[in-house]
Every structure is written in structure tokens, then in C-alpha cells.
Amino acid sequence: MSPAELAAVIAAVAFAMLVVGLLFLVGAAIRTLGTMNHAVEDVRRTTVPLLTDVHTAVRQANGDLIHVEGLLETAESISGTMDSASRLALAAFSSPLVKLTALAAGTSKAFRRLRLRRTA
């Protein structure tokens, strides 16, 4: 066997070993992709029901927010009515109350002076 033939045989064996190694790598990549495919399928199976639950919860929360918004509007309306009523009551009763308080204070002062004169 000539040196050229020996080099060709060595090159052919090295190339065959390289091809076998590449086949093992491709097989490992295919197994990894299969495992990834199963993992993605499991995630999809568990995620879809969770997303359905999330959509249901969001719809319910939106309904509750609409209800709370109505309650807040009612409370704001009641607050405005109470504010108007308190202003009206203040306007209606402040002047007579001030006069009544002044009359009571003056009367009590007069009674005290009369008592002091009787005892003196």
C-alpha cells in the first residue's frame, strides 16, 4: 500500500468518524426538541385554563368596578345634597340662633346683676 492510499484510508476513516459523531449530535438534538415539544404542550395545557380563569376574574372585576362606580356616584350625590342642606340650615338658623344666644347671655347677665343687688 502506497502512502497516498494509506492517507486516503485514514482520511476516509476520519470522515466516517466525523459523520457518526454528527449523527449522534443530530439524534441528541432531535431528542431535545422532542422533550421541548412535550414541555411546551404541557405548558399550553396548563396555561389555557388559567387564562380562561383570568379572563373570568377580569370580567367579574370590571362588573364590580362598574357597581362601585355607581355607588361612588350615589355617595357623591348624597354628599352634595347634605352639603347643600347644611348650608341652607346654617343660613336659616344662624341669624336666629345668634340672636337667641345673645338674648340668653343678656338675660343671664341681668339676672346675675339683680341677684347681686338683692344680696347687697
Protein backbone atom coordinates (compact mmCIF):
# COMPACT_ATOMS: atom_id res chain seq x y z
CA MET A 1 0.00 0.00 0.00
CA SER A 2 1.37 3.30 -1.04
CA PRO A 3 1.49 6.31 1.22
CA ALA A 4 -1.20 8.02 -0.83
CA GLU A 5 -3.54 5.06 -0.38
CA LEU A 6 -2.79 4.97 3.36
CA ALA A 7 -3.57 8.68 3.64
CA ALA A 8 -6.83 8.14 1.73
CA VAL A 9 -7.84 5.29 4.08
CA ILE A 10 -7.02 7.42 7.15
CA ALA A 11 -8.97 10.35 5.70
CA ALA A 12 -11.94 8.05 4.92
CA VAL A 13 -11.93 6.65 8.47
CA ALA A 14 -11.69 10.14 9.97
CA PHE A 15 -14.53 11.33 7.74
CA ALA A 16 -16.63 8.29 8.74
CA MET A 17 -15.98 9.03 12.43
CA LEU A 18 -16.95 12.65 11.84
CA VAL A 19 -20.19 11.60 10.15
CA VAL A 20 -21.03 9.19 13.02
CA GLY A 21 -20.33 11.93 15.55
CA LEU A 22 -22.57 14.33 13.65
CA LEU A 23 -25.31 11.68 13.54
CA PHE A 24 -25.10 11.33 17.34
CA LEU A 25 -25.34 15.12 17.69
CA VAL A 26 -28.34 15.27 15.36
CA GLY A 27 -30.01 12.45 17.32
CA ALA A 28 -29.42 14.29 20.60
CA ALA A 29 -30.82 17.48 19.09
CA ILE A 30 -33.93 15.61 17.88
CA ARG A 31 -34.46 14.11 21.36
CA THR A 32 -34.04 17.56 22.93
CA LEU A 33 -36.52 19.09 20.51
CA GLY A 34 -38.99 16.29 21.31
CA THR A 35 -38.62 16.96 25.02
CA MET A 36 -39.07 20.68 24.41
CA ASN A 37 -42.17 19.96 22.33
CA HIS A 38 -43.68 17.94 25.22
CA ALA A 39 -42.80 20.70 27.69
CA VAL A 40 -44.41 23.35 25.50
CA GLU A 41 -47.51 21.18 25.13
CA ASP A 42 -47.71 20.75 28.93
CA VAL A 43 -47.37 24.49 29.43
CA ARG A 44 -50.09 25.10 26.85
CA ARG A 45 -52.40 22.58 28.51
CA THR A 46 -52.00 24.25 31.91
CA THR A 47 -51.95 27.84 30.62
CA VAL A 48 -55.16 27.79 28.60
CA PRO A 49 -57.41 27.03 31.62
CA LEU A 50 -55.52 29.58 33.69
CA LEU A 51 -56.06 32.23 31.04
CA THR A 52 -59.75 31.36 30.97
CA ASP A 53 -59.86 31.84 34.76
CA VAL A 54 -58.02 35.14 34.43
CA HIS A 55 -60.48 36.35 31.78
CA THR A 56 -63.39 35.39 34.04
CA ALA A 57 -61.82 37.19 37.00
CA VAL A 58 -61.19 40.31 34.92
CA ARG A 59 -64.78 40.35 33.67
CA GLN A 60 -66.06 39.98 37.24
CA ALA A 61 -63.71 42.73 38.44
CA ASN A 62 -64.96 45.01 35.67
CA GLY A 63 -68.54 44.34 36.73
CA ASP A 64 -67.63 45.06 40.35
CA LEU A 65 -65.87 48.27 39.32
CA ILE A 66 -68.97 49.42 37.46
CA HIS A 67 -71.05 48.68 40.57
CA VAL A 68 -68.58 50.55 42.80
CA GLU A 69 -68.59 53.47 40.36
CA GLY A 70 -72.38 53.65 40.69
CA LEU A 71 -72.07 53.58 44.47
CA LEU A 72 -69.47 56.35 44.41
CA GLU A 73 -71.68 58.49 42.20
CA THR A 74 -74.59 57.95 44.61
CA ALA A 75 -72.38 58.80 47.59
CA GLU A 76 -71.16 61.93 45.82
CA SER A 77 -74.74 62.95 45.11
CA ILE A 78 -75.70 62.37 48.75
CA SER A 79 -72.67 64.35 49.88
CA GLY A 80 -73.64 67.25 47.63
CA THR A 81 -77.22 67.13 48.92
CA MET A 82 -76.03 67.07 52.54
CA ASP A 83 -73.66 69.96 51.86
CA SER A 84 -76.49 72.00 50.35
CA ALA A 85 -78.79 71.12 53.24
CA SER A 86 -76.20 72.10 55.84
CA ARG A 87 -75.58 75.42 54.09
CA LEU A 88 -79.30 76.05 53.95
CA ALA A 89 -79.69 75.16 57.63
CA LEU A 90 -76.79 77.42 58.54
CA ALA A 91 -78.29 80.28 56.56
CA ALA A 92 -81.75 79.70 58.03
CA PHE A 93 -80.81 79.20 61.67
CA SER A 94 -77.59 81.14 62.15
CA SER A 95 -79.18 84.54 62.49
CA PRO A 96 -81.97 83.41 64.88
CA LEU A 97 -79.50 81.29 66.85
CA VAL A 98 -77.12 84.19 67.23
CA LYS A 99 -79.99 86.38 68.38
CA LEU A 100 -81.25 83.70 70.78
CA THR A 101 -77.76 83.19 72.21
CA ALA A 102 -77.31 86.93 72.67
CA LEU A 103 -80.71 87.16 74.36
CA ALA A 104 -79.85 84.25 76.67
CA ALA A 105 -76.48 85.77 77.54
CA GLY A 106 -78.05 89.17 78.20
CA THR A 107 -80.84 87.67 80.30
CA SER A 108 -78.42 85.65 82.40
CA LYS A 109 -76.29 88.78 82.96
CA ALA A 110 -79.37 90.72 84.00
CA PHE A 111 -80.42 88.01 86.46
CA ARG A 112 -76.93 87.95 87.96
CA ARG A 113 -76.98 91.72 88.44
CA LEU A 114 -80.39 91.54 90.05
CA ARG A 115 -79.20 88.87 92.45
CA LEU A 116 -76.14 90.88 93.33
CA ARG A 117 -78.33 93.95 94.12
CA ARG A 118 -80.69 91.93 96.30
CA THR A 119 -77.89 90.47 98.34
CA ALA A 120 -76.10 93.74 98.74
